[in-house]
Every structure is written in C-alpha cells, then in structure tokens.
Amino acid sequence: MSRKSIKEILKIASEMFPDAKCELNYRNLFELLIAVVLSAQTTDVRVNIVTKDLFERFPTPESLANAKLSEVEEVIKSIGLYKNKAKSIVGIAKALENKEVPKSFEELIKLPGVGRKTANVVLSEGFRIPRIAVDTHVERVSKRLKVVEPSATPLEVEEALMAGLDPKDYHQAHHTLIFFGRYHCLARNPNCAVCPLTDSCRYYEEHYQNKNE
C-alpha cells in the first residue's frame, strides 16, 4: 500500500473519531505503565475500575512493591490473567523503587510483563516519543484495510504504519486506529453498511462484495 493510501485511511478515520485519545485513567507515568500492563486482553473500562482502587491503596512504586501479592490479586481479580498481572505489576514496582519510569524502549522491556506493545504505548502516550503500538484493534484494522497482508505479524504492522506516516502523526494515528477498531470496525459484526472505507476493505470484499457479484 502506498504512503498516500495509509494517510488517506487515517484522514477518513480521524474525521469519524476526531477526539480519539487514550481511555486509560492515569495521573503519572507509573500509573500509566501499570494500567497498560493490566489492559492486556481486558477492556479499558474494566481497567479503570480496577486501577481506581489499586492506586488509592498503592499510590507509589514503593507502596506497591511492599504489598502482599495476595492483596494485589484481590484488588485486580476482576480482570483477565489477574494472577500473572499481579506478579508483573509488583515486579515492576520493585524494579522502580526510587526510580523514574524508563524513557527508553530497551529499558522498558526489561520490566516484568512489559512487551513491545506496552513499551510503545508508554513511550508514545507518556513521553510523546514517536512510536506506534499495535494492539488487537490496530492489527485487525490494518489487515482489513490492506495496510498489510493477513499473515503479517504485529511488528510488521507497526513497521508498515510507521513507514507510511510522518513521525509527528504516530501518536494520534495509534489512537485513531484503536477508536476505529473499538467502536466501528468491530471484530464481530463490523459496521460495514455505514463505513466510508469499504472500497479499501478486505473484510468487505470477502463478506459482501464477492457475494453480490
């Protein structure tokens, strides 16, 4: 797909969701990092409910680092994979006692439970460093709209989007694609009937266009 095509997709999606932004609640970089780790395979709405209580009880890395794992599990047990996530966020807190959240990708991914996507979110949202994080929504939309092939890995999606956009636009593009996938181009029953991008959509071709030919 050409550079212009990716930009045009983002232009149209931005017109649909002009206020796209991070929907996780956080007050500082530490809270952002913890919230992003907790958000894996869980909705932002559920994470915000959990972190409200979590950050009231453990507002600093030091307080969370000294918490009993069972207590942390109890606070976050309503989200998926809560046992593993409890270990990860306590481990992060221990690693960050008396330290700032790292500003480099290499240092972030050394933290427990922090992978490429989480690191990129923190760098983009927290530090405004040009990165594009690829979550399930970004990956699904990019594949459906032919930015990449269906077999592309998340890293290949990331690289294609970064190659097709100006670095200054990475931050907003990430949020726009998430909103487009979360509220319009759903995994099941996407809103194809009212979508302005069906002429570029692999899903539409397979499920609607080809059946009408």
C-alpha atoms as a PDB file:
ATOM      1  CA  MET A   1       0.000   0.000   0.000  1.00  0.00           C
ATOM      2  CA  SER A   2       1.265   3.450  -0.863  1.00  0.00           C
ATOM      3  CA  ARG A   3       2.175   6.169   1.609  1.00  0.00           C
ATOM      4  CA  LYS A   4      -0.707   8.272   0.370  1.00  0.00           C
ATOM      5  CA  SER A   5      -3.202   5.452   0.885  1.00  0.00           C
ATOM      6  CA  ILE A   6      -2.295   4.976   4.535  1.00  0.00           C
ATOM      7  CA  LYS A   7      -2.574   8.716   5.121  1.00  0.00           C
ATOM      8  CA  GLU A   8      -5.947   8.804   3.403  1.00  0.00           C
ATOM      9  CA  ILE A   9      -7.250   5.997   5.597  1.00  0.00           C
ATOM     10  CA  LEU A  10      -6.137   7.895   8.698  1.00  0.00           C
ATOM     11  CA  LYS A  11      -7.670  11.111   7.388  1.00  0.00           C
ATOM     12  CA  ILE A  12     -11.073   9.477   6.968  1.00  0.00           C
ATOM     13  CA  ALA A  13     -10.868   7.628  10.282  1.00  0.00           C
ATOM     14  CA  SER A  14      -9.843  10.864  12.012  1.00  0.00           C
ATOM     15  CA  GLU A  15     -12.925  12.595  10.651  1.00  0.00           C
ATOM     16  CA  MET A  16     -15.022   9.797  12.143  1.00  0.00           C
ATOM     17  CA  PHE A  17     -13.245   9.951  15.506  1.00  0.00           C
ATOM     18  CA  PRO A  18     -11.768  13.449  15.902  1.00  0.00           C
ATOM     19  CA  ASP A  19     -11.465  13.094  19.688  1.00  0.00           C
ATOM     20  CA  ALA A  20      -9.658   9.743  19.766  1.00  0.00           C
ATOM     21  CA  LYS A  21      -7.372   9.537  22.781  1.00  0.00           C
ATOM     22  CA  CYS A  22      -6.064   7.221  25.477  1.00  0.00           C
ATOM     23  CA  GLU A  23      -9.021   5.977  27.527  1.00  0.00           C
ATOM     24  CA  LEU A  24      -6.988   4.660  30.426  1.00  0.00           C
ATOM     25  CA  ASN A  25      -7.095   6.840  33.538  1.00  0.00           C
ATOM     26  CA  TYR A  26      -3.712   7.765  34.990  1.00  0.00           C
ATOM     27  CA  ARG A  27      -2.087  10.651  36.849  1.00  0.00           C
ATOM     28  CA  ASN A  28       1.571   9.954  36.232  1.00  0.00           C
ATOM     29  CA  LEU A  29       3.934   7.727  34.241  1.00  0.00           C
ATOM     30  CA  PHE A  30       3.958   4.980  36.858  1.00  0.00           C
ATOM     31  CA  GLU A  31       0.171   4.718  36.821  1.00  0.00           C
ATOM     32  CA  LEU A  32       0.177   4.747  33.012  1.00  0.00           C
ATOM     33  CA  LEU A  33       2.656   1.886  32.884  1.00  0.00           C
ATOM     34  CA  ILE A  34       0.714  -0.200  35.393  1.00  0.00           C
ATOM     35  CA  ALA A  35      -2.601   0.494  33.631  1.00  0.00           C
ATOM     36  CA  VAL A  36      -1.215  -0.548  30.247  1.00  0.00           C
ATOM     37  CA  VAL A  37       0.154  -3.801  31.669  1.00  0.00           C
ATOM     38  CA  LEU A  38      -3.259  -4.529  33.194  1.00  0.00           C
ATOM     39  CA  SER A  39      -5.076  -3.706  29.949  1.00  0.00           C
ATOM     40  CA  ALA A  40      -3.874  -6.782  28.045  1.00  0.00           C
ATOM     41  CA  GLN A  41      -6.929  -8.815  26.994  1.00  0.00           C
ATOM     42  CA  THR A  42      -9.122  -6.567  29.155  1.00  0.00           C
ATOM     43  CA  THR A  43     -11.224  -3.516  28.326  1.00  0.00           C
ATOM     44  CA  ASP A  44     -10.045  -0.061  29.333  1.00  0.00           C
ATOM     45  CA  VAL A  45     -13.338   0.419  31.157  1.00  0.00           C
ATOM     46  CA  ARG A  46     -12.634  -2.555  33.413  1.00  0.00           C
ATOM     47  CA  VAL A  47      -9.018  -1.473  33.947  1.00  0.00           C
ATOM     48  CA  ASN A  48     -10.142   1.995  35.030  1.00  0.00           C
ATOM     49  CA  ILE A  49     -12.475   0.466  37.603  1.00  0.00           C
ATOM     50  CA  VAL A  50      -9.671  -1.704  38.980  1.00  0.00           C
ATOM     51  CA  THR A  51      -6.937   0.939  38.984  1.00  0.00           C
ATOM     52  CA  LYS A  52      -9.100   3.419  40.871  1.00  0.00           C
ATOM     53  CA  ASP A  53      -8.946   1.113  43.888  1.00  0.00           C
ATOM     54  CA  LEU A  54      -5.412  -0.095  43.162  1.00  0.00           C
ATOM     55  CA  PHE A  55      -3.880   3.381  43.045  1.00  0.00           C
ATOM     56  CA  GLU A  56      -5.770   4.503  46.132  1.00  0.00           C
ATOM     57  CA  ARG A  57      -4.223   1.637  48.086  1.00  0.00           C
ATOM     58  CA  PHE A  58      -0.816   1.710  46.419  1.00  0.00           C
ATOM     59  CA  PRO A  59      -0.143   5.185  45.008  1.00  0.00           C
ATOM     60  CA  THR A  60       3.633   4.810  44.615  1.00  0.00           C
ATOM     61  CA  PRO A  61       6.078   2.168  43.367  1.00  0.00           C
ATOM     62  CA  GLU A  62       7.310   1.787  46.935  1.00  0.00           C
ATOM     63  CA  SER A  63       3.864   1.036  48.356  1.00  0.00           C
ATOM     64  CA  LEU A  64       3.039  -1.451  45.596  1.00  0.00           C
ATOM     65  CA  ALA A  65       6.466  -3.088  45.880  1.00  0.00           C
ATOM     66  CA  ASN A  66       5.826  -3.793  49.549  1.00  0.00           C
ATOM     67  CA  ALA A  67       2.300  -5.079  49.060  1.00  0.00           C
ATOM     68  CA  LYS A  68       1.358  -8.706  49.600  1.00  0.00           C
ATOM     69  CA  LEU A  69       0.801 -10.441  46.276  1.00  0.00           C
ATOM     70  CA  SER A  70      -2.471 -11.898  47.554  1.00  0.00           C
ATOM     71  CA  GLU A  71      -3.752  -8.417  48.373  1.00  0.00           C
ATOM     72  CA  VAL A  72      -2.903  -7.128  44.914  1.00  0.00           C
ATOM     73  CA  GLU A  73      -4.584 -10.169  43.351  1.00  0.00           C
ATOM     74  CA  GLU A  74      -7.713  -9.446  45.365  1.00  0.00           C
ATOM     75  CA  VAL A  75      -7.862  -5.869  44.067  1.00  0.00           C
ATOM     76  CA  ILE A  76      -7.436  -6.783  40.393  1.00  0.00           C
ATOM     77  CA  LYS A  77      -9.132 -10.201  40.305  1.00  0.00           C
ATOM     78  CA  SER A  78     -11.983  -8.961  38.089  1.00  0.00           C
ATOM     79  CA  ILE A  79      -9.670  -8.613  35.085  1.00  0.00           C
ATOM     80  CA  GLY A  80      -8.276 -11.362  32.884  1.00  0.00           C
ATOM     81  CA  LEU A  81      -4.995 -13.058  33.768  1.00  0.00           C
ATOM     82  CA  TYR A  82      -5.041 -11.294  37.118  1.00  0.00           C
ATOM     83  CA  LYS A  83      -2.599 -13.644  38.843  1.00  0.00           C
ATOM     84  CA  ASN A  84       0.122 -13.139  36.248  1.00  0.00           C
ATOM     85  CA  LYS A  85      -0.606  -9.426  36.071  1.00  0.00           C
ATOM     86  CA  ALA A  86      -0.360  -9.081  39.842  1.00  0.00           C
ATOM     87  CA  LYS A  87       3.105 -10.627  39.734  1.00  0.00           C
ATOM     88  CA  SER A  88       4.094  -8.337  36.891  1.00  0.00           C
ATOM     89  CA  ILE A  89       2.971  -5.071  38.450  1.00  0.00           C
ATOM     90  CA  VAL A  90       4.509  -5.907  41.838  1.00  0.00           C
ATOM     91  CA  GLY A  91       7.696  -6.824  39.993  1.00  0.00           C
ATOM     92  CA  ILE A  92       7.597  -3.521  38.103  1.00  0.00           C
ATOM     93  CA  ALA A  93       7.112  -1.651  41.356  1.00  0.00           C
ATOM     94  CA  LYS A  94      10.094  -3.387  42.936  1.00  0.00           C
ATOM     95  CA  ALA A  95      12.242  -2.542  39.902  1.00  0.00           C
ATOM     96  CA  LEU A  96      11.164   1.107  40.009  1.00  0.00           C
ATOM     97  CA  GLU A  97      11.530   1.802  43.721  1.00  0.00           C
ATOM     98  CA  ASN A  98      13.155   5.235  43.980  1.00  0.00           C
ATOM     99  CA  LYS A  99      13.491   5.355  40.185  1.00  0.00           C
ATOM    100  CA  GLU A 100      11.715   7.062  37.317  1.00  0.00           C
ATOM    101  CA  VAL A 101       9.834   5.147  34.639  1.00  0.00           C
ATOM    102  CA  PRO A 102      12.410   4.447  31.905  1.00  0.00           C
ATOM    103  CA  LYS A 103      12.308   6.627  28.823  1.00  0.00           C
ATOM    104  CA  SER A 104      13.906   4.042  26.524  1.00  0.00           C
ATOM    105  CA  PHE A 105      12.353   1.056  24.810  1.00  0.00           C
ATOM    106  CA  GLU A 106      15.261  -1.182  25.790  1.00  0.00           C
ATOM    107  CA  GLU A 107      14.876  -0.409  29.489  1.00  0.00           C
ATOM    108  CA  LEU A 108      11.094  -0.669  29.497  1.00  0.00           C
ATOM    109  CA  ILE A 109      11.004  -4.175  28.033  1.00  0.00           C
ATOM    110  CA  LYS A 110      13.329  -5.369  30.807  1.00  0.00           C
ATOM    111  CA  LEU A 111      10.498  -4.778  33.296  1.00  0.00           C
ATOM    112  CA  PRO A 112       8.235  -7.722  34.253  1.00  0.00           C
ATOM    113  CA  GLY A 113       5.244  -8.115  31.965  1.00  0.00           C
ATOM    114  CA  VAL A 114       6.298  -5.302  29.625  1.00  0.00           C
ATOM    115  CA  GLY A 115       6.425  -6.295  25.976  1.00  0.00           C
ATOM    116  CA  ARG A 116       6.762  -4.331  22.788  1.00  0.00           C
ATOM    117  CA  LYS A 117       3.196  -3.027  22.720  1.00  0.00           C
ATOM    118  CA  THR A 118       3.226  -1.840  26.323  1.00  0.00           C
ATOM    119  CA  ALA A 119       6.606  -0.159  25.908  1.00  0.00           C
ATOM    120  CA  ASN A 120       5.438   1.639  22.782  1.00  0.00           C
ATOM    121  CA  VAL A 121       2.268   2.875  24.493  1.00  0.00           C
ATOM    122  CA  VAL A 122       4.258   4.293  27.397  1.00  0.00           C
ATOM    123  CA  LEU A 123       6.782   5.957  25.091  1.00  0.00           C
ATOM    124  CA  SER A 124       4.084   7.463  22.876  1.00  0.00           C
ATOM    125  CA  GLU A 125       1.470   8.404  25.465  1.00  0.00           C
ATOM    126  CA  GLY A 126       3.760   9.159  28.377  1.00  0.00           C
ATOM    127  CA  PHE A 127       6.791  10.694  26.713  1.00  0.00           C
ATOM    128  CA  ARG A 128       5.409  11.684  23.287  1.00  0.00           C
ATOM    129  CA  ILE A 129       8.220   9.778  21.630  1.00  0.00           C
ATOM    130  CA  PRO A 130       7.144   8.808  18.086  1.00  0.00           C
ATOM    131  CA  ARG A 131       6.079   5.162  18.281  1.00  0.00           C
ATOM    132  CA  ILE A 132       3.050   3.175  17.141  1.00  0.00           C
ATOM    133  CA  ALA A 133       1.764   0.483  19.476  1.00  0.00           C
ATOM    134  CA  VAL A 134      -0.034  -2.398  17.805  1.00  0.00           C
ATOM    135  CA  ASP A 135      -2.854  -3.888  19.847  1.00  0.00           C
ATOM    136  CA  THR A 136      -5.629  -6.174  18.611  1.00  0.00           C
ATOM    137  CA  HIS A 137      -7.650  -3.257  17.202  1.00  0.00           C
ATOM    138  CA  VAL A 138      -4.749  -1.721  15.296  1.00  0.00           C
ATOM    139  CA  GLU A 139      -3.730  -5.105  13.932  1.00  0.00           C
ATOM    140  CA  ARG A 140      -7.266  -6.025  12.834  1.00  0.00           C
ATOM    141  CA  VAL A 141      -7.945  -2.694  11.126  1.00  0.00           C
ATOM    142  CA  SER A 142      -4.564  -2.642   9.389  1.00  0.00           C
ATOM    143  CA  LYS A 143      -5.129  -6.103   7.958  1.00  0.00           C
ATOM    144  CA  ARG A 144      -8.698  -5.452   6.894  1.00  0.00           C
ATOM    145  CA  LEU A 145      -7.795  -2.177   5.187  1.00  0.00           C
ATOM    146  CA  LYS A 146      -4.854  -3.769   3.341  1.00  0.00           C
ATOM    147  CA  VAL A 147      -2.126  -1.833   5.059  1.00  0.00           C
ATOM    148  CA  VAL A 148      -0.506  -5.254   5.484  1.00  0.00           C
ATOM    149  CA  GLU A 149      -1.186  -8.814   4.419  1.00  0.00           C
ATOM    150  CA  PRO A 150      -3.421 -11.003   6.647  1.00  0.00           C
ATOM    151  CA  SER A 151      -0.387 -13.042   7.704  1.00  0.00           C
ATOM    152  CA  ALA A 152       1.570 -10.007   8.937  1.00  0.00           C
ATOM    153  CA  THR A 153       2.974 -10.055  12.459  1.00  0.00           C
ATOM    154  CA  PRO A 154       2.320  -7.195  14.902  1.00  0.00           C
ATOM    155  CA  LEU A 155       5.874  -5.993  14.274  1.00  0.00           C
ATOM    156  CA  GLU A 156       5.246  -5.926  10.520  1.00  0.00           C
ATOM    157  CA  VAL A 157       2.054  -3.941  11.120  1.00  0.00           C
ATOM    158  CA  GLU A 158       3.989  -1.481  13.266  1.00  0.00           C
ATOM    159  CA  GLU A 159       6.711  -1.084  10.646  1.00  0.00           C
ATOM    160  CA  ALA A 160       4.212  -0.599   7.808  1.00  0.00           C
ATOM    161  CA  LEU A 161       2.299   2.097   9.665  1.00  0.00           C
ATOM    162  CA  MET A 162       5.471   3.912  10.688  1.00  0.00           C
ATOM    163  CA  ALA A 163       6.764   3.770   7.109  1.00  0.00           C
ATOM    164  CA  GLY A 164       3.530   5.179   5.751  1.00  0.00           C
ATOM    165  CA  LEU A 165       3.098   8.065   8.173  1.00  0.00           C
ATOM    166  CA  ASP A 166       5.107  11.037   9.346  1.00  0.00           C
ATOM    167  CA  PRO A 167       6.581  10.563  12.851  1.00  0.00           C
ATOM    168  CA  LYS A 168       4.648  13.592  14.111  1.00  0.00           C
ATOM    169  CA  ASP A 169       1.428  11.713  13.325  1.00  0.00           C
ATOM    170  CA  TYR A 170       2.268   8.391  15.007  1.00  0.00           C
ATOM    171  CA  HIS A 171       0.724   9.255  18.364  1.00  0.00           C
ATOM    172  CA  GLN A 172      -2.665  10.313  17.047  1.00  0.00           C
ATOM    173  CA  ALA A 173      -2.731   7.587  14.394  1.00  0.00           C
ATOM    174  CA  HIS A 174      -2.438   4.961  17.139  1.00  0.00           C
ATOM    175  CA  HIS A 175      -5.453   6.332  18.997  1.00  0.00           C
ATOM    176  CA  THR A 176      -7.472   6.880  15.822  1.00  0.00           C
ATOM    177  CA  LEU A 177      -6.980   3.293  14.684  1.00  0.00           C
ATOM    178  CA  ILE A 178      -7.915   1.999  18.136  1.00  0.00           C
ATOM    179  CA  PHE A 179     -11.148   4.010  18.162  1.00  0.00           C
ATOM    180  CA  PHE A 180     -11.942   2.922  14.611  1.00  0.00           C
ATOM    181  CA  GLY A 181     -11.482  -0.725  15.598  1.00  0.00           C
ATOM    182  CA  ARG A 182     -13.099  -0.457  19.022  1.00  0.00           C
ATOM    183  CA  TYR A 183     -16.214   1.471  18.024  1.00  0.00           C
ATOM    184  CA  HIS A 184     -16.694   0.894  14.294  1.00  0.00           C
ATOM    185  CA  CYS A 185     -14.675  -1.904  12.678  1.00  0.00           C
ATOM    186  CA  LEU A 186     -15.510  -4.448  15.370  1.00  0.00           C
ATOM    187  CA  ALA A 187     -14.053  -7.954  15.376  1.00  0.00           C
ATOM    188  CA  ARG A 188     -17.557  -9.340  15.008  1.00  0.00           C
ATOM    189  CA  ASN A 189     -20.298  -7.563  13.097  1.00  0.00           C
ATOM    190  CA  PRO A 190     -18.313  -4.527  11.911  1.00  0.00           C
ATOM    191  CA  ASN A 191     -20.382  -1.572  10.731  1.00  0.00           C
ATOM    192  CA  CYS A 192     -19.766  -2.179   7.035  1.00  0.00           C
ATOM    193  CA  ALA A 193     -23.128  -0.733   5.988  1.00  0.00           C
ATOM    194  CA  VAL A 194     -22.105   2.762   7.063  1.00  0.00           C
ATOM    195  CA  CYS A 195     -18.342   2.552   6.547  1.00  0.00           C
ATOM    196  CA  PRO A 196     -16.610   5.018   4.212  1.00  0.00           C
ATOM    197  CA  LEU A 197     -13.656   2.693   3.733  1.00  0.00           C
ATOM    198  CA  THR A 198     -15.309  -0.372   2.183  1.00  0.00           C
ATOM    199  CA  ASP A 199     -13.508   0.242  -1.123  1.00  0.00           C
ATOM    200  CA  SER A 200     -10.236  -0.499   0.681  1.00  0.00           C
ATOM    201  CA  CYS A 201     -11.521  -3.278   2.927  1.00  0.00           C
ATOM    202  CA  ARG A 202     -10.570  -6.921   2.632  1.00  0.00           C
ATOM    203  CA  TYR A 203     -13.314  -7.967   5.062  1.00  0.00           C
ATOM    204  CA  TYR A 204     -15.997  -6.188   2.995  1.00  0.00           C
ATOM    205  CA  GLU A 205     -14.781  -7.810  -0.198  1.00  0.00           C
ATOM    206  CA  GLU A 206     -14.879 -11.275   1.330  1.00  0.00           C
ATOM    207  CA  HIS A 207     -18.204 -10.985   3.149  1.00  0.00           C
ATOM    208  CA  TYR A 208     -20.281  -8.675   0.973  1.00  0.00           C
ATOM    209  CA  GLN A 209     -18.820  -7.614  -2.367  1.00  0.00           C
ATOM    210  CA  ASN A 210     -17.934 -11.059  -3.633  1.00  0.00           C
ATOM    211  CA  LYS A 211     -21.345 -12.429  -2.682  1.00  0.00           C
ATOM    212  CA  ASN A 212     -23.060  -9.776  -4.771  1.00  0.00           C
ATOM    213  CA  GLU A 213     -21.020 -10.481  -7.911  1.00  0.00           C
END
